Amino acid sequence: MANPNIGQHAAAGGKAKAAKRHALTVDFLTDLRKAYQELGGIEGLVTFGKKNPVEFYKIMAKTLPKDMNVSVSMLEPMVVVLANDAD
C-alpha cells in the first residue's frame, strides 16, 4: 500500500526551500540598497555615468526589459503639424 504522507513531505520541503530563497533575495536586495546609498545614491550613479559612460549604458541596457507590450488609446484625436521648409 502506498504511503499517503509522501506527497505532503515533498510539498513541505519545497515550500521551505522557496521561503529560504525568498529570504535570501530580500536580504540581498536590502544589502544592495545599502551599498547604493553608501556609494552616493543618485549622485554617485550620475558621477559614475559621467566618468564611465560606456559601462553605465551597458549596465542600464541590461536592466531594461527585452520585450515590452505597449497599448495606446487616445480620448481625443491627435493633430500632427509638420514644418515646411518653404515658409
Protein backbone atom coordinates (compact mmCIF):
# COMPACT_ATOMS: atom_id res chain seq x y z
CA MET A 1 0.00 0.00 0.00
CA ALA A 2 1.34 3.47 -0.89
CA ASN A 3 2.30 5.88 1.86
CA PRO A 4 -0.24 8.78 1.83
CA ASN A 5 2.24 11.16 3.55
CA ILE A 6 4.86 11.09 0.78
CA GLY A 7 3.35 14.00 -1.18
CA GLN A 8 2.98 16.07 1.98
CA HIS A 9 6.67 15.79 2.88
CA ALA A 10 7.77 16.75 -0.62
CA ALA A 11 5.46 19.76 -0.70
CA ALA A 12 6.55 20.96 2.73
CA GLY A 13 10.22 20.70 1.74
CA GLY A 14 9.56 22.65 -1.43
CA LYS A 15 7.82 25.43 0.47
CA ALA A 16 10.70 25.67 2.94
CA LYS A 17 13.25 25.97 0.11
CA ALA A 18 11.16 28.64 -1.63
CA ALA A 19 10.82 30.61 1.62
CA LYS A 20 14.58 30.40 2.21
CA ARG A 21 15.30 31.54 -1.37
CA HIS A 22 12.86 34.45 -0.92
CA ALA A 23 14.56 35.48 2.34
CA LEU A 24 17.97 35.42 0.63
CA THR A 25 16.63 37.56 -2.23
CA VAL A 26 15.13 40.09 0.20
CA ASP A 27 18.38 40.20 2.19
CA PHE A 28 20.44 40.67 -0.97
CA LEU A 29 18.23 43.50 -2.25
CA THR A 30 18.35 45.19 1.17
CA ASP A 31 22.16 44.97 1.19
CA LEU A 32 22.33 46.20 -2.40
CA ARG A 33 20.24 49.25 -1.48
CA LYS A 34 22.52 49.98 1.50
CA ALA A 35 25.60 49.74 -0.75
CA TYR A 36 23.94 52.03 -3.30
CA GLN A 37 23.28 54.62 -0.60
CA GLU A 38 26.86 54.36 0.72
CA LEU A 39 28.20 54.88 -2.81
CA GLY A 40 26.33 58.18 -3.08
CA GLY A 41 22.86 57.15 -4.24
CA ILE A 42 21.71 59.06 -7.31
CA GLU A 43 24.63 61.49 -7.18
CA GLY A 44 27.09 58.59 -7.07
CA LEU A 45 25.35 56.94 -10.01
CA VAL A 46 25.49 60.16 -12.03
CA THR A 47 29.19 60.59 -11.21
CA PHE A 48 29.87 57.01 -12.29
CA GLY A 49 27.90 57.56 -15.52
CA LYS A 50 29.87 60.69 -16.37
CA LYS A 51 33.23 59.02 -15.72
CA ASN A 52 32.28 55.70 -17.35
CA PRO A 53 29.51 56.35 -19.90
CA VAL A 54 30.06 53.12 -21.87
CA GLU A 55 29.87 50.96 -18.74
CA PHE A 56 26.93 52.95 -17.41
CA TYR A 57 24.89 52.36 -20.57
CA LYS A 58 25.84 48.67 -20.66
CA ILE A 59 24.51 48.26 -17.14
CA MET A 60 21.41 50.31 -17.93
CA ALA A 61 20.70 48.26 -21.06
CA LYS A 62 20.88 45.03 -19.03
CA THR A 63 18.25 46.31 -16.60
CA LEU A 64 15.70 47.19 -19.29
CA PRO A 65 13.11 44.59 -20.27
CA LYS A 66 13.85 42.81 -23.54
CA ASP A 67 10.21 42.90 -24.65
CA MET A 68 7.59 45.50 -23.94
CA ASN A 69 3.92 45.38 -24.81
CA VAL A 70 2.53 48.88 -25.20
CA SER A 71 -1.08 49.80 -25.66
CA VAL A 72 -2.07 53.35 -26.57
CA SER A 73 -5.55 54.72 -26.55
CA MET A 74 -6.50 58.30 -27.24
CA LEU A 75 -9.58 60.02 -25.96
CA GLU A 76 -9.17 62.94 -28.35
CA PRO A 77 -7.84 62.95 -31.91
CA MET A 78 -4.20 63.94 -32.32
CA VAL A 79 -3.19 66.61 -34.81
CA VAL A 80 0.33 66.45 -36.20
CA VAL A 81 1.73 69.59 -37.80
CA LEU A 82 4.78 69.14 -40.00
CA ALA A 83 7.20 72.01 -40.52
CA ASN A 84 7.52 73.16 -44.10
CA ASP A 85 10.95 74.33 -45.26
CA ALA A 86 9.35 76.51 -47.99
CA ASP A 87 7.96 79.03 -45.49
